[in-house]
């Protein structure tokens, strides 16, 4: 249960900040993967 303080600060009662963090991380990794793929295909 790590959502006690962070959840209240950000207004996510009951919604884990961990879940939000994982979603952001997945989006970042996807964008990075697409960018790297484009860079590789250029050469």
PDB file of N, CA and C in Angstrom:
ATOM      1  N   UNK A   1       0.850  -1.202   0.000  1.00  0.00           N
ATOM      2  CA  UNK A   1       0.000   0.000   0.000  1.00  0.00           C
ATOM      3  C   UNK A   1       0.883   1.250   0.000  1.00  0.00           C
ATOM      4  N   UNK A   2       1.284   1.666  -1.164  1.00  0.00           N
ATOM      5  CA  UNK A   2       2.131   2.847  -1.239  1.00  0.00           C
ATOM      6  C   UNK A   2       1.350   4.069  -1.709  1.00  0.00           C
ATOM      7  N   UNK A   3       0.051   3.942  -1.891  1.00  0.00           N
ATOM      8  CA  UNK A   3      -0.729   5.057  -2.427  1.00  0.00           C
ATOM      9  C   UNK A   3      -1.277   5.992  -1.355  1.00  0.00           C
ATOM     10  N   UNK A   4      -0.831   5.827  -0.098  1.00  0.00           N
ATOM     11  CA  UNK A   4      -1.408   6.627   0.983  1.00  0.00           C
ATOM     12  C   UNK A   4      -1.145   8.110   0.815  1.00  0.00           C
ATOM     13  N   UNK A   5       0.098   8.532   0.764  1.00  0.00           N
ATOM     14  CA  UNK A   5       0.393   9.967   0.729  1.00  0.00           C
ATOM     15  C   UNK A   5       0.325  10.517  -0.685  1.00  0.00           C
ATOM     16  N   UNK A   6       0.945   9.827  -1.629  1.00  0.00           N
ATOM     17  CA  UNK A   6       0.992  10.304  -3.001  1.00  0.00           C
ATOM     18  C   UNK A   6      -0.420  10.446  -3.569  1.00  0.00           C
ATOM     19  N   UNK A   7      -1.270   9.460  -3.289  1.00  0.00           N
ATOM     20  CA  UNK A   7      -2.636   9.478  -3.795  1.00  0.00           C
ATOM     21  C   UNK A   7      -3.393  10.700  -3.325  1.00  0.00           C
ATOM     22  N   UNK A   8      -3.233  11.059  -2.038  1.00  0.00           N
ATOM     23  CA  UNK A   8      -3.938  12.214  -1.504  1.00  0.00           C
ATOM     24  C   UNK A   8      -3.387  13.514  -2.081  1.00  0.00           C
ATOM     25  N   UNK A   9      -2.077  13.579  -2.260  1.00  0.00           N
ATOM     26  CA  UNK A   9      -1.463  14.794  -2.787  1.00  0.00           C
ATOM     27  C   UNK A   9      -1.941  15.067  -4.205  1.00  0.00           C
ATOM     28  N   UNK A  10      -2.058  14.019  -5.012  1.00  0.00           N
ATOM     29  CA  UNK A  10      -2.385  14.189  -6.418  1.00  0.00           C
ATOM     30  C   UNK A  10      -3.885  14.066  -6.689  1.00  0.00           C
ATOM     31  N   UNK A  11      -4.650  13.786  -5.674  1.00  0.00           N
ATOM     32  CA  UNK A  11      -6.096  13.705  -5.841  1.00  0.00           C
ATOM     33  C   UNK A  11      -6.554  12.386  -6.424  1.00  0.00           C
ATOM     34  N   UNK A  12      -5.755  11.331  -6.254  1.00  0.00           N
ATOM     35  CA  UNK A  12      -6.133  10.008  -6.785  1.00  0.00           C
ATOM     36  C   UNK A  12      -6.484   9.072  -5.640  1.00  0.00           C
ATOM     37  N   UNK A  13      -7.553   9.373  -4.912  1.00  0.00           N
ATOM     38  CA  UNK A  13      -7.952   8.468  -3.838  1.00  0.00           C
ATOM     39  C   UNK A  13      -8.346   7.122  -4.418  1.00  0.00           C
ATOM     40  N   UNK A  14      -7.658   6.082  -3.978  1.00  0.00           N
ATOM     41  CA  UNK A  14      -8.000   4.740  -4.421  1.00  0.00           C
ATOM     42  C   UNK A  14      -7.302   4.350  -5.717  1.00  0.00           C
ATOM     43  N   UNK A  15      -6.869   5.343  -6.493  1.00  0.00           N
ATOM     44  CA  UNK A  15      -6.177   5.029  -7.746  1.00  0.00           C
ATOM     45  C   UNK A  15      -4.689   5.113  -7.502  1.00  0.00           C
ATOM     46  N   UNK A  16      -3.991   3.995  -7.672  1.00  0.00           N
ATOM     47  CA  UNK A  16      -2.572   3.940  -7.344  1.00  0.00           C
ATOM     48  C   UNK A  16      -1.735   4.800  -8.262  1.00  0.00           C
ATOM     49  N   UNK A  17      -0.815   5.541  -7.665  1.00  0.00           N
ATOM     50  CA  UNK A  17       0.133   6.316  -8.451  1.00  0.00           C
ATOM     51  C   UNK A  17       1.055   5.368  -9.200  1.00  0.00           C
ATOM     52  N   UNK A  18       1.253   4.181  -8.647  1.00  0.00           N
ATOM     53  CA  UNK A  18       2.068   3.171  -9.314  1.00  0.00           C
ATOM     54  C   UNK A  18       1.493   2.818 -10.671  1.00  0.00           C
ATOM     55  N   UNK A  19       0.148   2.711 -10.729  1.00  0.00           N
ATOM     56  CA  UNK A  19      -0.506   2.400 -11.993  1.00  0.00           C
ATOM     57  C   UNK A  19      -0.255   3.513 -12.999  1.00  0.00           C
ATOM     58  N   UNK A  20      -0.397   4.765 -12.543  1.00  0.00           N
ATOM     59  CA  UNK A  20      -0.164   5.921 -13.404  1.00  0.00           C
ATOM     60  C   UNK A  20       1.276   5.929 -13.891  1.00  0.00           C
ATOM     61  N   UNK A  21       2.207   5.643 -12.967  1.00  0.00           N
ATOM     62  CA  UNK A  21       3.632   5.631 -13.296  1.00  0.00           C
ATOM     63  C   UNK A  21       3.933   4.577 -14.359  1.00  0.00           C
ATOM     64  N   UNK A  22       3.330   3.392 -14.196  1.00  0.00           N
ATOM     65  CA  UNK A  22       3.550   2.304 -15.158  1.00  0.00           C
ATOM     66  C   UNK A  22       3.014   2.694 -16.533  1.00  0.00           C
ATOM     67  N   UNK A  23       1.849   3.339 -16.571  1.00  0.00           N
ATOM     68  CA  UNK A  23       1.273   3.756 -17.848  1.00  0.00           C
ATOM     69  C   UNK A  23       2.176   4.756 -18.547  1.00  0.00           C
ATOM     70  N   UNK A  24       2.675   5.742 -17.796  1.00  0.00           N
ATOM     71  CA  UNK A  24       3.577   6.749 -18.363  1.00  0.00           C
ATOM     72  C   UNK A  24       4.847   6.086 -18.871  1.00  0.00           C
ATOM     73  N   UNK A  25       5.367   5.133 -18.078  1.00  0.00           N
ATOM     74  CA  UNK A  25       6.589   4.428 -18.454  1.00  0.00           C
ATOM     75  C   UNK A  25       6.386   3.655 -19.760  1.00  0.00           C
ATOM     76  N   UNK A  26       5.235   2.986 -19.883  1.00  0.00           N
ATOM     77  CA  UNK A  26       4.943   2.223 -21.101  1.00  0.00           C
ATOM     78  C   UNK A  26       4.863   3.134 -22.316  1.00  0.00           C
ATOM     79  N   UNK A  27       4.212   4.286 -22.169  1.00  0.00           N
ATOM     80  CA  UNK A  27       4.094   5.242 -23.277  1.00  0.00           C
ATOM     81  C   UNK A  27       5.476   5.738 -23.680  1.00  0.00           C
ATOM     82  N   UNK A  28       6.298   6.075 -22.672  1.00  0.00           N
ATOM     83  CA  UNK A  28       7.660   6.552 -22.932  1.00  0.00           C
ATOM     84  C   UNK A  28       8.469   5.503 -23.687  1.00  0.00           C
ATOM     85  N   UNK A  29       8.401   4.267 -23.226  1.00  0.00           N
ATOM     86  CA  UNK A  29       9.166   3.195 -23.868  1.00  0.00           C
ATOM     87  C   UNK A  29       8.691   2.960 -25.302  1.00  0.00           C
ATOM     88  N   UNK A  30       7.378   3.061 -25.526  1.00  0.00           N
ATOM     89  CA  UNK A  30       6.833   2.881 -26.868  1.00  0.00           C
ATOM     90  C   UNK A  30       7.331   3.975 -27.798  1.00  0.00           C
ATOM     91  N   UNK A  31       7.270   5.224 -27.328  1.00  0.00           N
ATOM     92  CA  UNK A  31       7.740   6.344 -28.144  1.00  0.00           C
ATOM     93  C   UNK A  31       9.231   6.230 -28.421  1.00  0.00           C
ATOM     94  N   UNK A  32       9.990   5.834 -27.412  1.00  0.00           N
ATOM     95  CA  UNK A  32      11.435   5.655 -27.577  1.00  0.00           C
ATOM     96  C   UNK A  32      11.725   4.562 -28.598  1.00  0.00           C
ATOM     97  N   UNK A  33      10.966   3.465 -28.520  1.00  0.00           N
ATOM     98  CA  UNK A  33      11.141   2.361 -29.454  1.00  0.00           C
ATOM     99  C   UNK A  33      10.855   2.793 -30.891  1.00  0.00           C
ATOM    100  N   UNK A  34       9.768   3.556 -31.087  1.00  0.00           N
ATOM    101  CA  UNK A  34       9.423   4.051 -32.424  1.00  0.00           C
ATOM    102  C   UNK A  34      10.516   4.972 -32.942  1.00  0.00           C
ATOM    103  N   UNK A  35      11.020   5.859 -32.083  1.00  0.00           N
ATOM    104  CA  UNK A  35      12.073   6.797 -32.473  1.00  0.00           C
ATOM    105  C   UNK A  35      13.350   6.064 -32.865  1.00  0.00           C
ATOM    106  N   UNK A  36      13.740   5.094 -32.050  1.00  0.00           N
ATOM    107  CA  UNK A  36      14.940   4.309 -32.355  1.00  0.00           C
ATOM    108  C   UNK A  36      14.774   3.543 -33.663  1.00  0.00           C
ATOM    109  N   UNK A  37      13.583   2.974 -33.870  1.00  0.00           N
ATOM    110  CA  UNK A  37      13.292   2.226 -35.088  1.00  0.00           C
ATOM    111  C   UNK A  37      13.434   3.124 -36.321  1.00  0.00           C
ATOM    112  N   UNK A  38      12.937   4.369 -36.217  1.00  0.00           N
ATOM    113  CA  UNK A  38      13.061   5.325 -37.317  1.00  0.00           C
ATOM    114  C   UNK A  38      14.521   5.679 -37.565  1.00  0.00           C
ATOM    115  N   UNK A  39      15.280   5.872 -36.479  1.00  0.00           N
ATOM    116  CA  UNK A  39      16.689   6.215 -36.606  1.00  0.00           C
ATOM    117  C   UNK A  39      17.445   5.090 -37.312  1.00  0.00           C
ATOM    118  N   UNK A  40      17.149   3.852 -36.948  1.00  0.00           N
ATOM    119  CA  UNK A  40      17.829   2.696 -37.545  1.00  0.00           C
ATOM    120  C   UNK A  40      17.458   2.571 -39.025  1.00  0.00           C
ATOM    121  N   UNK A  41      16.193   2.823 -39.344  1.00  0.00           N
ATOM    122  CA  UNK A  41      15.735   2.666 -40.731  1.00  0.00           C
ATOM    123  C   UNK A  41      16.268   3.752 -41.645  1.00  0.00           C
ATOM    124  N   UNK A  42      16.663   4.900 -41.078  1.00  0.00           N
ATOM    125  CA  UNK A  42      17.215   5.983 -41.885  1.00  0.00           C
ATOM    126  C   UNK A  42      18.533   5.566 -42.523  1.00  0.00           C
ATOM    127  N   UNK A  43      19.329   4.794 -41.782  1.00  0.00           N
ATOM    128  CA  UNK A  43      20.699   4.467 -42.233  1.00  0.00           C
ATOM    129  C   UNK A  43      20.772   3.345 -43.241  1.00  0.00           C
TER     130      UNK A  43
END
